[in-house]
Amino acid sequence: MQLKADIKETGSIIAYNAPFEVSVIKGLAALFPEEKEFLEDLNTRFVDLLIPFKKAWYYLAEMGSSASIKYVLPAIAPEFSYNDLEINNGGMASETFLAMIENPNDEANAITRINLLKYCKRDTEGMVVIYKHLLDIISSKYC
């Protein structure tokens, strides 16, 4: 299992909307019972970046009334919008990935894969930007 090879055995796992990630990992544990212990351990390590925004502990007017990363990220760092991506939201990414699985011989899959990776990269970079932004706020306020 590639995930097991890539992830360390200790440390926090940062996510945006951790309950979604936890549900995916629970599904994987059901599909791969031989990895259940490893996968269930992962679910105990999540830190959710969504919480400060969802609970309105931190708010910028540019976020509108949404705590979605698609609004929070560009409010914090406008250069990190999703508008320039072919695949620009999680629902579209999930549907696209499923279509690739259902049609593995589709010639367009190579381009689709690149577009999915661009979306995943933006989400990952976005979480780093948000995390660092929150740390900067905490540091400036309490140090």
Foldseek 3Di string as FASTA:
>chain_A
DVVVVPDDQDAADEDAPLVVVLVVLVVVCVVPVVCVVVSVSNSVRYDHLLVCVVVVVDDDVQLPNDSDLQRVLCRLPVVLHQVVAPQRDDVSLVVLVVVCVVCVPDPCVVVSVVSSVVNVVSNVVSSVSSVVVVVVVCVVVPD
